[in-house]
Amino acid sequence: MSKKPIRFLFDPRKTLQAAALLAKREPRAVISRMRLLKLLYIADRESLKEIGRPISGDSLLAMKKGPLLSGFYEMIKGESVQSQLFDTYFQQSGFHLELKKSPGIGLLNRYEIRKLREVSARYENTDDDDLSLMTHQFPEWKDPGNSSRHIPVEDVLEAVGRADKTDKVRRNAEVARAVAKLWS
């Protein structure tokens, strides 16, 4: 019997708070879409490795320019029911995003805030194209050509050396989804 894929519950508001925290660390609170998407992916990836759950809970997607968070990308592009929420806090100009209003950080815990700041600081002197190329080195990213491909959480866990925690991560994700369903 095959096991169900690991699926976390995407939290758009929490992801917006994480995105705003990253944007605030950039000059004039302006960040490129690609940079923001890569930093969020890296933070989620490292969070999975360190504590067994991502910050955003978003689905992961391999695209030509590397991996990213699927639901958040749809929000940015205006293809999500949450896009209006995104537009409340960010102004788009070409491929750049300007934080126009803070959504706060109340949904982020101390670990998540520290992780986002750490990832931002580590790559502050890395240009966007180099950051994208760096994510191509992640073992879970397989070049999808001109298409896209879902990245299973299980592949990320294996890539970061935490395959031994897959069953525990799956159970925790299922419990979190069940609890959220009870409260909805």
Protein backbone atom coordinates (compact mmCIF):
# COMPACT_ATOMS: atom_id res chain seq x y z
CA MET A 1 0.00 0.00 0.00
CA SER A 2 1.45 3.37 -0.97
CA LYS A 3 1.46 6.16 1.54
CA LYS A 4 -0.35 9.43 1.02
CA PRO A 5 1.93 12.27 -0.03
CA ILE A 6 2.84 14.75 2.68
CA ARG A 7 0.67 17.86 2.41
CA PHE A 8 0.83 20.78 4.78
CA LEU A 9 -1.86 23.42 5.10
CA PHE A 10 -0.91 26.54 3.14
CA ASP A 11 -1.33 29.67 5.25
CA PRO A 12 -1.52 32.68 2.87
CA ARG A 13 -1.58 35.28 5.67
CA LYS A 14 1.43 33.80 7.41
CA THR A 15 3.26 33.56 4.09
CA LEU A 16 2.47 37.23 3.42
CA GLN A 17 3.95 38.10 6.80
CA ALA A 18 7.09 36.12 5.92
CA ALA A 19 7.27 37.86 2.52
CA ALA A 20 6.88 41.28 4.13
CA LEU A 21 9.62 40.52 6.66
CA LEU A 22 11.96 39.66 3.77
CA ALA A 23 10.94 42.72 1.73
CA LYS A 24 11.56 45.05 4.70
CA ARG A 25 15.17 43.89 4.76
CA GLU A 26 15.73 45.13 1.19
CA PRO A 27 16.58 48.74 0.25
CA ARG A 28 13.37 50.82 0.16
CA ALA A 29 11.40 47.62 0.92
CA VAL A 30 11.53 46.67 -2.78
CA ILE A 31 12.35 43.08 -3.72
CA SER A 32 12.26 41.22 -7.02
CA ARG A 33 9.64 38.53 -7.41
CA MET A 34 12.31 35.93 -8.15
CA ARG A 35 14.39 36.86 -5.10
CA LEU A 36 11.37 36.75 -2.81
CA LEU A 37 10.23 33.39 -4.18
CA LYS A 38 13.72 31.88 -3.81
CA LEU A 39 14.26 33.18 -0.26
CA LEU A 40 10.85 31.86 0.84
CA TYR A 41 11.60 28.47 -0.71
CA ILE A 42 15.01 28.28 0.97
CA ALA A 43 13.52 29.25 4.35
CA ASP A 44 10.79 26.58 4.00
CA ARG A 45 13.37 23.99 2.94
CA GLU A 46 15.62 24.72 5.90
CA SER A 47 12.68 24.75 8.27
CA LEU A 48 11.68 21.29 7.02
CA LYS A 49 15.21 20.09 7.71
CA GLU A 50 15.52 21.65 11.14
CA ILE A 51 12.06 21.28 12.69
CA GLY A 52 10.15 19.00 10.31
CA ARG A 53 7.66 21.56 8.99
CA PRO A 54 7.78 24.51 6.59
CA ILE A 55 6.97 28.10 7.46
CA SER A 56 4.34 28.58 4.72
CA GLY A 57 2.81 25.13 4.36
CA ASP A 58 2.67 25.82 0.62
CA SER A 59 3.04 23.23 -2.16
CA LEU A 60 6.44 23.17 -3.83
CA LEU A 61 6.93 23.55 -7.55
CA ALA A 62 9.94 23.08 -9.85
CA MET A 63 10.06 25.62 -12.65
CA LYS A 64 12.68 26.54 -15.24
CA LYS A 65 14.28 29.13 -12.93
CA GLY A 66 14.26 26.80 -9.93
CA PRO A 67 11.93 25.79 -7.12
CA LEU A 68 9.29 28.01 -5.55
CA LEU A 69 6.14 28.06 -3.43
CA SER A 70 3.21 27.31 -5.74
CA GLY A 71 0.28 28.99 -3.97
CA PHE A 72 2.25 32.13 -3.16
CA TYR A 73 3.41 32.38 -6.78
CA GLU A 74 -0.23 32.20 -7.90
CA MET A 75 -1.08 34.99 -5.44
CA ILE A 76 1.65 37.21 -6.92
CA LYS A 77 0.50 36.52 -10.47
CA GLY A 78 -3.12 37.35 -9.62
CA GLU A 79 -4.30 33.77 -10.25
CA SER A 80 -5.50 33.00 -6.73
CA VAL A 81 -8.50 33.92 -4.64
CA GLN A 82 -5.86 35.25 -2.22
CA SER A 83 -4.40 37.67 -4.79
CA GLN A 84 -6.49 40.55 -3.48
CA LEU A 85 -5.00 39.97 -0.04
CA PHE A 86 -1.51 40.08 -1.59
CA ASP A 87 -2.35 43.34 -3.38
CA THR A 88 -3.35 44.90 -0.05
CA TYR A 89 0.27 44.74 1.10
CA PHE A 90 2.41 44.75 -2.05
CA GLN A 91 2.55 47.01 -5.10
CA GLN A 92 3.87 45.38 -8.26
CA SER A 93 6.00 47.21 -10.79
CA GLY A 94 7.25 44.89 -13.50
CA PHE A 95 9.03 42.07 -11.74
CA HIS A 96 9.56 44.04 -8.53
CA LEU A 97 7.41 44.14 -5.45
CA GLU A 98 7.22 47.09 -3.09
CA LEU A 99 5.89 46.59 0.40
CA LYS A 100 3.27 49.30 0.79
CA LYS A 101 1.76 48.23 4.11
CA SER A 102 2.91 45.80 6.77
CA PRO A 103 0.78 42.75 7.52
CA GLY A 104 2.60 42.40 10.85
CA ILE A 105 4.41 39.30 12.08
CA GLY A 106 1.92 37.92 14.61
CA LEU A 107 1.49 34.57 12.85
CA LEU A 108 5.24 33.89 12.76
CA ASN A 109 6.96 32.31 15.75
CA ARG A 110 10.44 33.25 16.99
CA TYR A 111 12.12 30.40 15.12
CA GLU A 112 10.45 31.41 11.83
CA ILE A 113 11.39 35.08 12.22
CA ARG A 114 14.99 34.10 13.01
CA LYS A 115 15.12 31.70 10.05
CA LEU A 116 13.77 34.30 7.60
CA ARG A 117 16.26 36.92 8.83
CA GLU A 118 19.10 34.41 8.66
CA VAL A 119 18.27 33.39 5.07
CA SER A 120 17.92 37.04 4.04
CA ALA A 121 21.28 37.98 5.58
CA ARG A 122 23.07 34.97 4.09
CA TYR A 123 22.03 35.88 0.54
CA GLU A 124 21.96 39.68 0.77
CA ASN A 125 25.01 39.99 -1.52
CA THR A 126 23.89 37.29 -3.96
CA ASP A 127 22.26 38.63 -7.11
CA ASP A 128 18.93 37.23 -8.23
CA ASP A 129 20.25 35.17 -11.14
CA ASP A 130 22.96 33.57 -8.99
CA LEU A 131 20.37 32.83 -6.30
CA SER A 132 18.19 31.14 -8.92
CA LEU A 133 21.13 29.11 -10.26
CA MET A 134 22.04 28.08 -6.73
CA THR A 135 18.57 26.58 -6.22
CA HIS A 136 19.14 24.48 -9.36
CA GLN A 137 21.73 22.58 -7.30
CA PHE A 138 19.10 21.36 -4.83
CA PRO A 139 18.69 17.60 -5.44
CA GLU A 140 14.88 17.81 -5.26
CA TRP A 141 14.78 20.22 -8.22
CA LYS A 142 14.53 18.43 -11.56
CA ASP A 143 14.50 20.63 -14.65
CA PRO A 144 10.91 20.66 -15.91
CA GLY A 145 11.90 22.27 -19.22
CA ASN A 146 9.31 24.82 -20.28
CA SER A 147 6.73 23.32 -17.93
CA SER A 148 6.52 22.85 -14.16
CA ARG A 149 6.63 19.86 -11.84
CA HIS A 150 5.36 19.29 -8.30
CA ILE A 151 8.15 18.71 -5.76
CA PRO A 152 7.09 16.17 -3.13
CA VAL A 153 7.96 17.08 0.47
CA GLU A 154 9.41 13.57 0.70
CA ASP A 155 12.00 14.52 -1.95
CA VAL A 156 13.00 17.61 0.03
CA LEU A 157 13.36 15.57 3.22
CA GLU A 158 15.59 13.11 1.40
CA ALA A 159 17.64 15.91 -0.18
CA VAL A 160 18.31 17.57 3.19
CA GLY A 161 19.25 14.29 4.87
CA ARG A 162 16.03 13.85 6.86
CA ALA A 163 14.41 10.92 5.02
CA ASP A 164 14.37 9.07 8.36
CA LYS A 165 11.81 11.61 9.61
CA THR A 166 9.38 11.23 6.68
CA ASP A 167 6.75 9.20 8.58
CA LYS A 168 6.85 11.56 11.56
CA VAL A 169 6.54 14.63 9.31
CA ARG A 170 3.62 12.98 7.46
CA ARG A 171 1.78 12.27 10.74
CA ASN A 172 2.36 15.80 12.03
CA ALA A 173 1.09 17.31 8.76
CA GLU A 174 -2.02 15.10 8.88
CA VAL A 175 -2.73 16.07 12.50
CA ALA A 176 -2.30 19.78 11.72
CA ARG A 177 -4.68 19.50 8.76
CA ALA A 178 -7.26 17.62 10.89
CA VAL A 179 -7.07 20.22 13.67
CA ALA A 180 -7.46 23.06 11.15
CA LYS A 181 -10.50 21.31 9.69
CA LEU A 182 -12.08 21.10 13.14
CA TRP A 183 -11.69 24.86 13.59
CA SER A 184 -12.98 25.81 10.15
